[in-house]
Protein backbone atom coordinates (compact mmCIF):
# COMPACT_ATOMS: atom_id res chain seq x y z
CA MET A 1 13.95 52.69 16.91
CA LYS A 2 10.81 51.31 18.51
CA LYS A 3 8.88 51.99 15.30
CA ILE A 4 11.45 50.12 13.21
CA LEU A 5 11.45 47.11 15.56
CA TYR A 6 7.67 47.14 15.69
CA SER A 7 7.47 47.29 11.88
CA LEU A 8 9.98 44.44 11.47
CA PHE A 9 8.14 42.36 14.06
CA THR A 10 4.81 42.96 12.30
CA ILE A 11 6.28 42.04 8.89
CA ALA A 12 7.84 38.88 10.36
CA LEU A 13 4.55 37.91 12.01
CA VAL A 14 2.61 38.42 8.78
CA TYR A 15 5.19 36.36 6.87
CA VAL A 16 4.97 33.51 9.39
CA CYS A 17 1.17 33.51 9.28
CA ILE A 18 1.04 33.53 5.49
CA SER A 19 3.68 30.86 5.07
CA CYS A 20 1.96 28.41 7.44
CA THR A 21 -0.01 25.74 5.66
CA ASP A 22 -2.55 23.42 7.15
CA GLU A 23 -1.30 19.95 6.34
CA ARG A 24 -4.32 18.14 7.73
CA LYS A 25 -6.19 16.22 5.10
CA VAL A 26 -9.93 16.20 5.14
CA ASP A 27 -11.43 13.26 3.32
CA VAL A 28 -14.78 14.19 1.77
CA THR A 29 -14.93 11.08 -0.40
CA SER A 30 -18.39 9.55 -0.30
CA LYS A 31 -18.33 6.34 1.71
CA VAL A 32 -20.99 3.81 2.66
CA TYR A 33 -21.40 2.61 6.23
CA MET A 34 -23.87 1.28 8.80
CA PRO A 35 -24.92 4.08 11.18
CA GLN A 36 -25.66 1.54 13.93
CA ALA A 37 -22.02 0.39 13.84
CA ASN A 38 -21.15 3.73 15.43
CA TYR A 39 -23.29 3.14 18.55
CA GLY A 40 -20.36 1.91 20.66
CA VAL A 41 -18.91 -1.53 21.10
CA THR A 42 -22.31 -3.19 20.64
CA TYR A 43 -25.74 -2.17 19.38
CA VAL A 44 -27.82 -3.15 22.42
CA VAL A 45 -31.45 -4.24 22.02
CA PRO A 46 -33.43 -2.96 23.83
CA ASN A 47 -31.95 0.51 23.98
CA ASN A 48 -33.18 3.19 26.41
CA GLY A 49 -35.67 4.54 23.88
CA ASN A 50 -39.43 4.56 24.27
CA ASP A 51 -42.58 4.79 22.18
CA LEU A 52 -43.39 8.32 23.31
CA GLN A 53 -40.11 9.73 21.98
CA ASN A 54 -40.15 7.36 18.99
CA ASN A 55 -36.51 6.44 19.55
CA LYS A 56 -36.53 2.70 20.22
CA ASN A 57 -34.14 0.67 18.08
CA TYR A 58 -36.69 -2.10 17.49
CA GLU A 59 -40.39 -2.80 17.20
CA ILE A 60 -42.50 -5.85 17.85
CA ALA A 61 -44.90 -6.70 15.05
CA GLY A 62 -46.71 -9.98 14.72
CA ASN A 63 -44.47 -12.62 16.19
CA LYS A 64 -41.24 -10.82 15.28
CA VAL A 65 -38.82 -8.46 16.98
CA LYS A 66 -37.67 -6.13 14.20
CA VAL A 67 -34.27 -4.60 14.95
CA TYR A 68 -33.68 -1.43 12.93
CA LEU A 69 -30.52 -1.42 10.79
CA GLY A 70 -29.49 0.59 7.76
CA VAL A 71 -26.89 1.83 5.30
CA TYR A 72 -25.85 5.43 4.68
CA CYS A 73 -23.63 7.23 2.17
CA SER A 74 -21.59 10.13 3.52
CA GLY A 75 -19.69 12.74 1.55
CA LEU A 76 -20.33 15.57 -0.85
CA ASP A 77 -20.52 13.75 -4.20
CA ALA A 78 -23.71 13.61 -6.23
CA LEU A 79 -25.89 10.79 -4.92
CA LYS A 80 -25.75 7.71 -7.12
CA GLY A 81 -27.69 4.58 -6.41
CA TYR A 82 -25.79 1.76 -4.74
CA SER A 83 -26.30 -1.65 -3.21
CA VAL A 84 -24.65 -3.75 -0.53
CA ASP A 85 -24.80 -7.40 0.41
CA ILE A 86 -25.76 -8.32 3.97
CA VAL A 87 -23.83 -11.07 5.76
CA THR A 88 -23.56 -12.28 9.34
CA GLY A 89 -20.62 -13.42 11.40
CA ASN A 90 -20.36 -16.75 13.17
CA THR A 91 -18.52 -15.90 16.38
CA ALA A 92 -20.11 -14.76 19.63
CA ILE A 93 -18.41 -12.53 22.16
CA GLU A 94 -17.70 -13.71 25.70
CA GLY A 95 -20.80 -14.05 27.84
CA THR A 96 -23.18 -14.29 24.88
CA THR A 97 -24.68 -16.93 22.61
CA LEU A 98 -24.57 -16.57 18.85
CA LEU A 99 -28.11 -16.02 17.54
CA PRO A 100 -28.85 -19.14 15.46
CA ALA A 101 -29.73 -18.63 11.80
CA SER A 102 -33.01 -20.48 12.31
CA ALA A 103 -34.18 -17.73 14.71
CA TYR A 104 -33.89 -14.71 12.40
CA THR A 105 -34.23 -13.40 8.87
CA LEU A 106 -32.25 -10.69 7.09
CA PRO A 107 -32.32 -9.46 3.51
CA LEU A 108 -29.42 -10.68 1.39
CA LYS A 109 -29.05 -7.31 -0.36
CA VAL A 110 -30.08 -3.71 0.29
CA THR A 111 -30.43 -1.22 -2.58
CA VAL A 112 -30.45 2.57 -2.34
CA GLU A 113 -32.06 4.52 -5.20
CA ASN A 114 -30.39 7.30 -7.21
CA GLY A 115 -30.67 10.60 -5.37
CA LYS A 116 -31.06 8.93 -1.97
CA ARG A 117 -28.46 8.75 0.76
CA GLU A 118 -29.77 5.85 2.86
CA ASN A 119 -32.03 2.86 3.17
CA TYR A 120 -33.17 0.78 6.12
CA PHE A 121 -33.77 -2.89 6.77
CA ASN A 122 -34.65 -5.13 9.70
CA LEU A 123 -33.08 -8.02 11.51
CA GLU A 124 -36.29 -9.96 12.23
CA ILE A 125 -36.07 -12.29 15.22
CA ASP A 126 -38.67 -14.93 16.06
CA LEU A 127 -40.40 -13.81 19.27
CA ASP A 128 -41.28 -17.36 20.35
CA PHE A 129 -37.60 -18.27 20.13
CA LEU A 130 -36.72 -15.38 22.44
CA LYS A 131 -39.49 -16.29 24.88
CA ASN A 132 -38.13 -19.86 25.03
CA ASN A 133 -34.61 -18.52 25.68
CA ARG A 134 -35.40 -15.58 27.95
CA THR A 135 -32.33 -15.98 30.16
CA LYS A 136 -29.84 -15.81 27.30
CA VAL A 137 -28.03 -12.83 25.84
CA PHE A 138 -27.71 -13.23 22.09
CA TYR A 139 -25.13 -11.72 19.76
CA LEU A 140 -25.06 -11.37 15.99
CA PRO A 141 -22.54 -9.38 13.95
CA VAL A 142 -24.28 -8.02 10.84
CA SER A 143 -21.99 -6.70 8.10
CA ILE A 144 -22.27 -5.00 4.73
CA THR A 145 -20.07 -6.15 1.84
CA ASN A 146 -19.73 -5.74 -1.94
CA VAL A 147 -20.75 -2.11 -2.26
CA THR A 148 -21.42 -0.75 -5.74
CA ASN A 149 -20.49 2.78 -6.98
CA TYR A 150 -18.76 3.83 -3.73
CA LEU A 151 -16.16 2.83 -1.18
CA PHE A 152 -16.81 1.62 2.36
CA ASN A 153 -15.99 3.46 5.55
CA ASP A 154 -14.01 0.42 6.70
CA ASN A 155 -14.44 1.25 10.39
CA LEU A 156 -18.25 1.09 10.23
CA THR A 157 -19.21 -1.94 8.16
CA THR A 158 -20.27 -4.25 11.02
CA THR A 159 -23.01 -3.69 13.57
CA LYS A 160 -22.55 -5.94 16.59
CA VAL A 161 -26.15 -6.59 17.66
CA LEU A 162 -26.50 -7.61 21.32
CA ILE A 163 -29.95 -8.82 22.32
CA LYS A 164 -30.63 -8.72 26.06
CA THR A 165 -33.57 -11.09 25.87
CA SER A 166 -34.78 -10.84 29.46
CA GLU A 167 -34.65 -7.01 29.45
CA LEU A 168 -36.48 -6.87 26.13
CA LEU A 169 -39.29 -9.16 27.27
CA ILE A 170 -39.67 -7.31 30.58
CA LYS A 171 -39.67 -3.90 28.86
CA GLU A 172 -42.41 -5.05 26.49
CA ASN A 173 -44.39 -6.88 29.24
CA ILE A 174 -44.16 -10.19 27.40
CA GLU A 175 -44.67 -13.34 29.46
């Protein structure tokens, strides 16, 4: 009797395991996004990186602070070239000042070549402007729009750049 019950139990267990289906859907569609948009609520400049570890999110060259930004295509599809337009928002968050358009430059469009997954660009901020406004915290939402050949990852199309001017100037020993 034990053998019969054990056999029936085993058959029932196998049937249950085989009949279960995983209804979760995994989306492997290639999508374009800004990696820096995934850094939390804001993309803080300066970050905790340093020159030795080569992990700062900016560099100072000439009279510009170059904030590193980029676009990336996820997914498993063959890599086609694509482009995106770059736009900025016009609303600051509480406790910040919107970075004025006269203080920075950005490309209007970024293109990624066939066979490549990503490309990078800079938000270039005038260093003299920052020195003259050292007590202010600036904010600039940078977004990608009008993608070609792919879809967007809608949750990661805007990087909210937060520039802590005083911390940046102190970190770089700029008077």
